[in-house]
């Protein structure tokens, strides 16, 4: 790209604003041990923010059973 004199179009990354709320520290129950012997023994979750052209910022929340690797809950919500 440099030799051809072209550049990609970049956008600034979204940064969350600082919150005045205090964050409550939680105990790490799994301690990076994701092994299981049966279903419903350990679940993991995540929330991801997605910027869409039509709806603005949305979030995707999911929960996975670590044994079966199946997604148990998927929730998509517009802000």
PDB file of N, CA and C in Angstrom:
ATOM      1  N   UNK A   1       0.819  -1.174   0.000  1.00  0.00           N
ATOM      2  CA  UNK A   1       0.000   0.000   0.000  1.00  0.00           C
ATOM      3  C   UNK A   1       0.873   1.251   0.000  1.00  0.00           C
ATOM      4  N   UNK A   2       1.967   1.202   0.770  1.00  0.00           N
ATOM      5  CA  UNK A   2       2.846   2.371   0.840  1.00  0.00           C
ATOM      6  C   UNK A   2       3.459   2.664  -0.523  1.00  0.00           C
ATOM      7  N   UNK A   3       3.910   1.608  -1.212  1.00  0.00           N
ATOM      8  CA  UNK A   3       4.517   1.788  -2.531  1.00  0.00           C
ATOM      9  C   UNK A   3       3.506   2.356  -3.524  1.00  0.00           C
ATOM     10  N   UNK A   4       2.232   1.939  -3.381  1.00  0.00           N
ATOM     11  CA  UNK A   4       1.203   2.406  -4.306  1.00  0.00           C
ATOM     12  C   UNK A   4       0.658   3.771  -3.912  1.00  0.00           C
ATOM     13  N   UNK A   5       1.042   4.253  -2.723  1.00  0.00           N
ATOM     14  CA  UNK A   5       0.595   5.561  -2.271  1.00  0.00           C
ATOM     15  C   UNK A   5      -0.861   5.598  -1.828  1.00  0.00           C
ATOM     16  N   UNK A   6      -1.350   4.455  -1.343  1.00  0.00           N
ATOM     17  CA  UNK A   6      -2.736   4.420  -0.873  1.00  0.00           C
ATOM     18  C   UNK A   6      -2.773   4.131   0.627  1.00  0.00           C
ATOM     19  N   UNK A   7      -3.871   4.555   1.280  1.00  0.00           N
ATOM     20  CA  UNK A   7      -4.040   4.342   2.715  1.00  0.00           C
ATOM     21  C   UNK A   7      -5.428   3.795   2.990  1.00  0.00           C
ATOM     22  N   UNK A   8      -5.537   3.069   4.075  1.00  0.00           N
ATOM     23  CA  UNK A   8      -6.848   2.559   4.477  1.00  0.00           C
ATOM     24  C   UNK A   8      -7.620   3.664   5.192  1.00  0.00           C
ATOM     25  N   UNK A   9      -8.935   3.513   5.192  1.00  0.00           N
ATOM     26  CA  UNK A   9      -9.787   4.442   5.924  1.00  0.00           C
ATOM     27  C   UNK A   9      -9.919   3.906   7.339  1.00  0.00           C
ATOM     28  N   UNK A  10      -9.523   4.704   8.323  1.00  0.00           N
ATOM     29  CA  UNK A  10      -9.581   4.252   9.706  1.00  0.00           C
ATOM     30  C   UNK A  10     -10.524   5.138  10.500  1.00  0.00           C
ATOM     31  N   UNK A  11     -11.105   4.556  11.532  1.00  0.00           N
ATOM     32  CA  UNK A  11     -11.963   5.293  12.441  1.00  0.00           C
ATOM     33  C   UNK A  11     -11.404   5.152  13.842  1.00  0.00           C
ATOM     34  N   UNK A  12     -11.628   6.173  14.667  1.00  0.00           N
ATOM     35  CA  UNK A  12     -11.190   6.110  16.049  1.00  0.00           C
ATOM     36  C   UNK A  12     -11.931   5.005  16.782  1.00  0.00           C
ATOM     37  N   UNK A  13     -11.226   4.307  17.632  1.00  0.00           N
ATOM     38  CA  UNK A  13     -11.847   3.267  18.463  1.00  0.00           C
ATOM     39  C   UNK A  13     -12.744   3.918  19.500  1.00  0.00           C
ATOM     40  N   UNK A  14     -13.852   3.262  19.814  1.00  0.00           N
ATOM     41  CA  UNK A  14     -14.761   3.759  20.835  1.00  0.00           C
ATOM     42  C   UNK A  14     -14.188   3.465  22.207  1.00  0.00           C
ATOM     43  N   UNK A  15     -14.145   4.462  23.048  1.00  0.00           N
ATOM     44  CA  UNK A  15     -13.673   4.301  24.422  1.00  0.00           C
ATOM     45  C   UNK A  15     -14.833   4.626  25.351  1.00  0.00           C
ATOM     46  N   UNK A  16     -15.083   3.753  26.306  1.00  0.00           N
ATOM     47  CA  UNK A  16     -16.145   4.027  27.260  1.00  0.00           C
ATOM     48  C   UNK A  16     -15.726   5.167  28.176  1.00  0.00           C
ATOM     49  N   UNK A  17     -16.694   5.938  28.608  1.00  0.00           N
ATOM     50  CA  UNK A  17     -16.376   7.033  29.517  1.00  0.00           C
ATOM     51  C   UNK A  17     -16.206   6.483  30.928  1.00  0.00           C
ATOM     52  N   UNK A  18     -15.481   7.204  31.736  1.00  0.00           N
ATOM     53  CA  UNK A  18     -15.264   6.732  33.101  1.00  0.00           C
ATOM     54  C   UNK A  18     -16.554   6.843  33.895  1.00  0.00           C
ATOM     55  N   UNK A  19     -16.767   5.914  34.771  1.00  0.00           N
ATOM     56  CA  UNK A  19     -17.977   5.866  35.570  1.00  0.00           C
ATOM     57  C   UNK A  19     -17.664   6.307  36.997  1.00  0.00           C
ATOM     58  N   UNK A  20     -18.634   6.937  37.618  1.00  0.00           N
ATOM     59  CA  UNK A  20     -18.452   7.360  38.999  1.00  0.00           C
ATOM     60  C   UNK A  20     -18.806   6.231  39.969  1.00  0.00           C
ATOM     61  N   UNK A  21     -19.292   5.119  39.421  1.00  0.00           N
ATOM     62  CA  UNK A  21     -19.638   3.978  40.262  1.00  0.00           C
ATOM     63  C   UNK A  21     -18.382   3.188  40.617  1.00  0.00           C
ATOM     64  N   UNK A  22     -18.348   2.638  41.805  1.00  0.00           N
ATOM     65  CA  UNK A  22     -17.218   1.803  42.186  1.00  0.00           C
ATOM     66  C   UNK A  22     -17.435   0.388  41.645  1.00  0.00           C
ATOM     67  N   UNK A  23     -16.370  -0.244  41.244  1.00  0.00           N
ATOM     68  CA  UNK A  23     -16.437  -1.605  40.716  1.00  0.00           C
ATOM     69  C   UNK A  23     -16.249  -2.572  41.877  1.00  0.00           C
ATOM     70  N   UNK A  24     -17.162  -3.519  41.978  1.00  0.00           N
ATOM     71  CA  UNK A  24     -17.089  -4.495  43.059  1.00  0.00           C
ATOM     72  C   UNK A  24     -16.204  -5.656  42.618  1.00  0.00           C
ATOM     73  N   UNK A  25     -15.139  -5.926  43.352  1.00  0.00           N
ATOM     74  CA  UNK A  25     -14.218  -6.996  43.002  1.00  0.00           C
ATOM     75  C   UNK A  25     -14.858  -8.351  43.317  1.00  0.00           C
ATOM     76  N   UNK A  26     -14.715  -9.279  42.390  1.00  0.00           N
ATOM     77  CA  UNK A  26     -15.277 -10.623  42.551  1.00  0.00           C
ATOM     78  C   UNK A  26     -14.168 -11.668  42.586  1.00  0.00           C
ATOM     79  N   UNK A  27     -14.429 -12.748  43.280  1.00  0.00           N
ATOM     80  CA  UNK A  27     -13.479 -13.853  43.368  1.00  0.00           C
ATOM     81  C   UNK A  27     -13.424 -14.607  42.041  1.00  0.00           C
ATOM     82  N   UNK A  28     -12.234 -15.010  41.611  1.00  0.00           N
ATOM     83  CA  UNK A  28     -12.053 -15.794  40.393  1.00  0.00           C
ATOM     84  C   UNK A  28     -12.283 -17.265  40.739  1.00  0.00           C
ATOM     85  N   UNK A  29     -13.494 -17.747  40.492  1.00  0.00           N
ATOM     86  CA  UNK A  29     -13.865 -19.103  40.883  1.00  0.00           C
ATOM     87  C   UNK A  29     -13.214 -20.178  40.013  1.00  0.00           C
ATOM     88  N   UNK A  30     -13.013 -19.896  38.731  1.00  0.00           N
ATOM     89  CA  UNK A  30     -12.448 -20.906  37.832  1.00  0.00           C
ATOM     90  C   UNK A  30     -10.926 -20.976  37.879  1.00  0.00           C
ATOM     91  N   UNK A  31     -10.264 -19.879  38.217  1.00  0.00           N
ATOM     92  CA  UNK A  31      -8.792 -19.856  38.247  1.00  0.00           C
ATOM     93  C   UNK A  31      -8.190 -20.421  36.955  1.00  0.00           C
ATOM     94  N   UNK A  32      -8.783 -20.069  35.803  1.00  0.00           N
ATOM     95  CA  UNK A  32      -8.330 -20.492  34.467  1.00  0.00           C
ATOM     96  C   UNK A  32      -8.456 -22.000  34.239  1.00  0.00           C
ATOM     97  N   UNK A  33      -9.201 -22.722  35.069  1.00  0.00           N
ATOM     98  CA  UNK A  33      -9.422 -24.162  34.872  1.00  0.00           C
ATOM     99  C   UNK A  33     -10.767 -24.341  34.174  1.00  0.00           C
ATOM    100  N   UNK A  34     -10.734 -24.544  32.852  1.00  0.00           N
ATOM    101  CA  UNK A  34     -11.950 -24.655  32.063  1.00  0.00           C
ATOM    102  C   UNK A  34     -12.325 -26.108  31.762  1.00  0.00           C
ATOM    103  N   UNK A  35     -11.663 -27.058  32.396  1.00  0.00           N
ATOM    104  CA  UNK A  35     -11.987 -28.464  32.169  1.00  0.00           C
ATOM    105  C   UNK A  35     -13.267 -28.825  32.924  1.00  0.00           C
ATOM    106  N   UNK A  36     -14.045 -29.743  32.321  1.00  0.00           N
ATOM    107  CA  UNK A  36     -15.289 -30.195  32.944  1.00  0.00           C
ATOM    108  C   UNK A  36     -15.466 -31.682  32.711  1.00  0.00           C
ATOM    109  N   UNK A  37     -16.317 -32.303  33.505  1.00  0.00           N
ATOM    110  CA  UNK A  37     -16.626 -33.721  33.333  1.00  0.00           C
ATOM    111  C   UNK A  37     -18.067 -33.956  32.919  1.00  0.00           C
ATOM    112  N   UNK A  38     -18.917 -32.946  33.046  1.00  0.00           N
ATOM    113  CA  UNK A  38     -20.320 -33.087  32.699  1.00  0.00           C
ATOM    114  C   UNK A  38     -20.900 -31.733  32.285  1.00  0.00           C
ATOM    115  N   UNK A  39     -22.066 -31.764  31.631  1.00  0.00           N
ATOM    116  CA  UNK A  39     -22.695 -30.513  31.222  1.00  0.00           C
ATOM    117  C   UNK A  39     -23.192 -29.746  32.442  1.00  0.00           C
ATOM    118  N   UNK A  40     -23.381 -28.464  32.271  1.00  0.00           N
ATOM    119  CA  UNK A  40     -23.868 -27.551  33.316  1.00  0.00           C
ATOM    120  C   UNK A  40     -22.968 -27.474  34.548  1.00  0.00           C
ATOM    121  N   UNK A  41     -21.738 -27.889  34.420  1.00  0.00           N
ATOM    122  CA  UNK A  41     -20.792 -27.812  35.537  1.00  0.00           C
ATOM    123  C   UNK A  41     -20.162 -26.415  35.614  1.00  0.00           C
ATOM    124  N   UNK A  42     -19.783 -25.877  34.440  1.00  0.00           N
ATOM    125  CA  UNK A  42     -19.169 -24.547  34.381  1.00  0.00           C
ATOM    126  C   UNK A  42     -19.713 -23.802  33.163  1.00  0.00           C
ATOM    127  N   UNK A  43     -20.083 -22.566  33.388  1.00  0.00           N
ATOM    128  CA  UNK A  43     -20.541 -21.692  32.318  1.00  0.00           C
ATOM    129  C   UNK A  43     -19.632 -20.480  32.251  1.00  0.00           C
ATOM    130  N   UNK A  44     -19.531 -19.901  31.069  1.00  0.00           N
ATOM    131  CA  UNK A  44     -18.769 -18.666  30.887  1.00  0.00           C
ATOM    132  C   UNK A  44     -19.627 -17.698  30.084  1.00  0.00           C
ATOM    133  N   UNK A  45     -19.472 -16.415  30.357  1.00  0.00           N
ATOM    134  CA  UNK A  45     -20.272 -15.410  29.669  1.00  0.00           C
ATOM    135  C   UNK A  45     -19.427 -14.261  29.181  1.00  0.00           C
ATOM    136  N   UNK A  46     -20.006 -13.503  28.246  1.00  0.00           N
ATOM    137  CA  UNK A  46     -19.308 -12.354  27.702  1.00  0.00           C
ATOM    138  C   UNK A  46     -20.326 -11.351  27.179  1.00  0.00           C
ATOM    139  N   UNK A  47     -19.958 -10.089  27.195  1.00  0.00           N
ATOM    140  CA  UNK A  47     -20.774  -9.026  26.615  1.00  0.00           C
ATOM    141  C   UNK A  47     -19.890  -8.264  25.637  1.00  0.00           C
ATOM    142  N   UNK A  48     -20.396  -8.052  24.431  1.00  0.00           N
ATOM    143  CA  UNK A  48     -19.667  -7.335  23.404  1.00  0.00           C
ATOM    144  C   UNK A  48     -20.532  -6.205  22.879  1.00  0.00           C
ATOM    145  N   UNK A  49     -19.963  -5.007  22.750  1.00  0.00           N
ATOM    146  CA  UNK A  49     -20.673  -3.867  22.191  1.00  0.00           C
ATOM    147  C   UNK A  49     -20.391  -3.804  20.698  1.00  0.00           C
ATOM    148  N   UNK A  50     -21.432  -3.562  19.919  1.00  0.00           N
ATOM    149  CA  UNK A  50     -21.324  -3.554  18.461  1.00  0.00           C
ATOM    150  C   UNK A  50     -21.920  -2.242  17.942  1.00  0.00           C
ATOM    151  N   UNK A  51     -21.165  -1.523  17.132  1.00  0.00           N
ATOM    152  CA  UNK A  51     -21.682  -0.292  16.537  1.00  0.00           C
ATOM    153  C   UNK A  51     -22.296  -0.631  15.187  1.00  0.00           C
ATOM    154  N   UNK A  52     -23.581  -0.309  15.033  1.00  0.00           N
ATOM    155  CA  UNK A  52     -24.276  -0.576  13.777  1.00  0.00           C
ATOM    156  C   UNK A  52     -24.639   0.744  13.120  1.00  0.00           C
ATOM    157  N   UNK A  53     -24.741   0.741  11.811  1.00  0.00           N
ATOM    158  CA  UNK A  53     -25.092   1.960  11.092  1.00  0.00           C
ATOM    159  C   UNK A  53     -26.558   2.321  11.325  1.00  0.00           C
ATOM    160  N   UNK A  54     -27.439   1.322  11.363  1.00  0.00           N
ATOM    161  CA  UNK A  54     -28.872   1.587  11.470  1.00  0.00           C
ATOM    162  C   UNK A  54     -29.319   1.894  12.895  1.00  0.00           C
ATOM    163  N   UNK A  55     -28.841   1.120  13.877  1.00  0.00           N
ATOM    164  CA  UNK A  55     -29.357   1.216  15.244  1.00  0.00           C
ATOM    165  C   UNK A  55     -28.388   1.854  16.237  1.00  0.00           C
ATOM    166  N   UNK A  56     -27.219   2.248  15.804  1.00  0.00           N
ATOM    167  CA  UNK A  56     -26.238   2.809  16.732  1.00  0.00           C
ATOM    168  C   UNK A  56     -25.582   1.698  17.549  1.00  0.00           C
ATOM    169  N   UNK A  57     -25.278   1.983  18.819  1.00  0.00           N
ATOM    170  CA  UNK A  57     -24.609   0.993  19.672  1.00  0.00           C
ATOM    171  C   UNK A  57     -25.597  -0.041  20.173  1.00  0.00           C
ATOM    172  N   UNK A  58     -25.235  -1.298  20.032  1.00  0.00           N
ATOM    173  CA  UNK A  58     -26.019  -2.431  20.513  1.00  0.00           C
ATOM    174  C   UNK A  58     -25.082  -3.311  21.324  1.00  0.00           C
ATOM    175  N   UNK A  59     -25.632  -4.243  22.077  1.00  0.00           N
ATOM    176  CA  UNK A  59     -24.755  -5.184  22.759  1.00  0.00           C
ATOM    177  C   UNK A  59     -25.236  -6.612  22.560  1.00  0.00           C
ATOM    178  N   UNK A  60     -24.287  -7.518  22.551  1.00  0.00           N
ATOM    179  CA  UNK A  60     -24.530  -8.944  22.397  1.00  0.00           C
ATOM    180  C   UNK A  60     -24.022  -9.627  23.661  1.00  0.00           C
ATOM    181  N   UNK A  61     -24.926 -10.293  24.368  1.00  0.00           N
ATOM    182  CA  UNK A  61     -24.547 -11.012  25.593  1.00  0.00           C
ATOM    183  C   UNK A  61     -24.747 -12.505  25.341  1.00  0.00           C
ATOM    184  N   UNK A  62     -23.776 -13.325  25.754  1.00  0.00           N
ATOM    185  CA  UNK A  62     -23.868 -14.766  25.525  1.00  0.00           C
ATOM    186  C   UNK A  62     -23.340 -15.540  26.734  1.00  0.00           C
ATOM    187  N   UNK A  63     -23.863 -16.766  26.894  1.00  0.00           N
ATOM    188  CA  UNK A  63     -23.426 -17.677  27.956  1.00  0.00           C
ATOM    189  C   UNK A  63     -23.155 -19.029  27.308  1.00  0.00           C
ATOM    190  N   UNK A  64     -21.982 -19.617  27.604  1.00  0.00           N
ATOM    191  CA  UNK A  64     -21.599 -20.895  27.008  1.00  0.00           C
ATOM    192  C   UNK A  64     -21.373 -21.951  28.088  1.00  0.00           C
ATOM    193  N   UNK A  65     -21.873 -23.151  27.830  1.00  0.00           N
ATOM    194  CA  UNK A  65     -21.566 -24.307  28.672  1.00  0.00           C
ATOM    195  C   UNK A  65     -20.165 -24.770  28.274  1.00  0.00           C
ATOM    196  N   UNK A  66     -19.228 -24.779  29.200  1.00  0.00           N
ATOM    197  CA  UNK A  66     -17.833 -25.100  28.864  1.00  0.00           C
ATOM    198  C   UNK A  66     -17.614 -26.570  28.529  1.00  0.00           C
ATOM    199  N   UNK A  67     -18.551 -27.445  28.877  1.00  0.00           N
ATOM    200  CA  UNK A  67     -18.408 -28.863  28.548  1.00  0.00           C
ATOM    201  C   UNK A  67     -18.863 -29.144  27.114  1.00  0.00           C
ATOM    202  N   UNK A  68     -20.075 -28.716  26.783  1.00  0.00           N
ATOM    203  CA  UNK A  68     -20.629 -29.001  25.452  1.00  0.00           C
ATOM    204  C   UNK A  68     -20.206 -27.960  24.416  1.00  0.00           C
ATOM    205  N   UNK A  69     -19.693 -26.802  24.882  1.00  0.00           N
ATOM    206  CA  UNK A  69     -19.317 -25.672  24.022  1.00  0.00           C
ATOM    207  C   UNK A  69     -20.526 -25.094  23.293  1.00  0.00           C
ATOM    208  N   UNK A  70     -21.720 -25.340  23.801  1.00  0.00           N
ATOM    209  CA  UNK A  70     -22.934 -24.800  23.197  1.00  0.00           C
ATOM    210  C   UNK A  70     -23.291 -23.480  23.858  1.00  0.00           C
ATOM    211  N   UNK A  71     -23.783 -22.557  23.028  1.00  0.00           N
ATOM    212  CA  UNK A  71     -24.261 -21.285  23.554  1.00  0.00           C
ATOM    213  C   UNK A  71     -25.643 -21.504  24.163  1.00  0.00           C
ATOM    214  N   UNK A  72     -25.803 -21.127  25.415  1.00  0.00           N
ATOM    215  CA  UNK A  72     -27.063 -21.331  26.119  1.00  0.00           C
ATOM    216  C   UNK A  72     -27.975 -20.132  25.971  1.00  0.00           C
ATOM    217  N   UNK A  73     -27.418 -18.936  26.017  1.00  0.00           N
ATOM    218  CA  UNK A  73     -28.203 -17.721  25.967  1.00  0.00           C
ATOM    219  C   UNK A  73     -27.503 -16.734  25.032  1.00  0.00           C
ATOM    220  N   UNK A  74     -28.252 -16.188  24.120  1.00  0.00           N
ATOM    221  CA  UNK A  74     -27.732 -15.114  23.284  1.00  0.00           C
ATOM    222  C   UNK A  74     -28.767 -13.997  23.351  1.00  0.00           C
ATOM    223  N   UNK A  75     -28.319 -12.817  23.705  1.00  0.00           N
ATOM    224  CA  UNK A  75     -29.236 -11.696  23.822  1.00  0.00           C
ATOM    225  C   UNK A  75     -28.648 -10.504  23.091  1.00  0.00           C
ATOM    226  N   UNK A  76     -29.396  -9.969  22.167  1.00  0.00           N
ATOM    227  CA  UNK A  76     -28.964  -8.806  21.404  1.00  0.00           C
ATOM    228  C   UNK A  76     -29.911  -7.670  21.725  1.00  0.00           C
ATOM    229  N   UNK A  77     -29.385  -6.523  22.122  1.00  0.00           N
ATOM    230  CA  UNK A  77     -30.220  -5.430  22.567  1.00  0.00           C
ATOM    231  C   UNK A  77     -29.719  -4.100  22.040  1.00  0.00           C
ATOM    232  N   UNK A  78     -30.645  -3.264  21.571  1.00  0.00           N
ATOM    233  CA  UNK A  78     -30.286  -1.916  21.158  1.00  0.00           C
ATOM    234  C   UNK A  78     -30.219  -1.031  22.387  1.00  0.00           C
ATOM    235  N   UNK A  79     -29.275  -0.130  22.407  1.00  0.00           N
ATOM    236  CA  UNK A  79     -29.169   0.802  23.544  1.00  0.00           C
ATOM    237  C   UNK A  79     -30.089   1.975  23.335  1.00  0.00           C
TER     238      UNK A  79
END
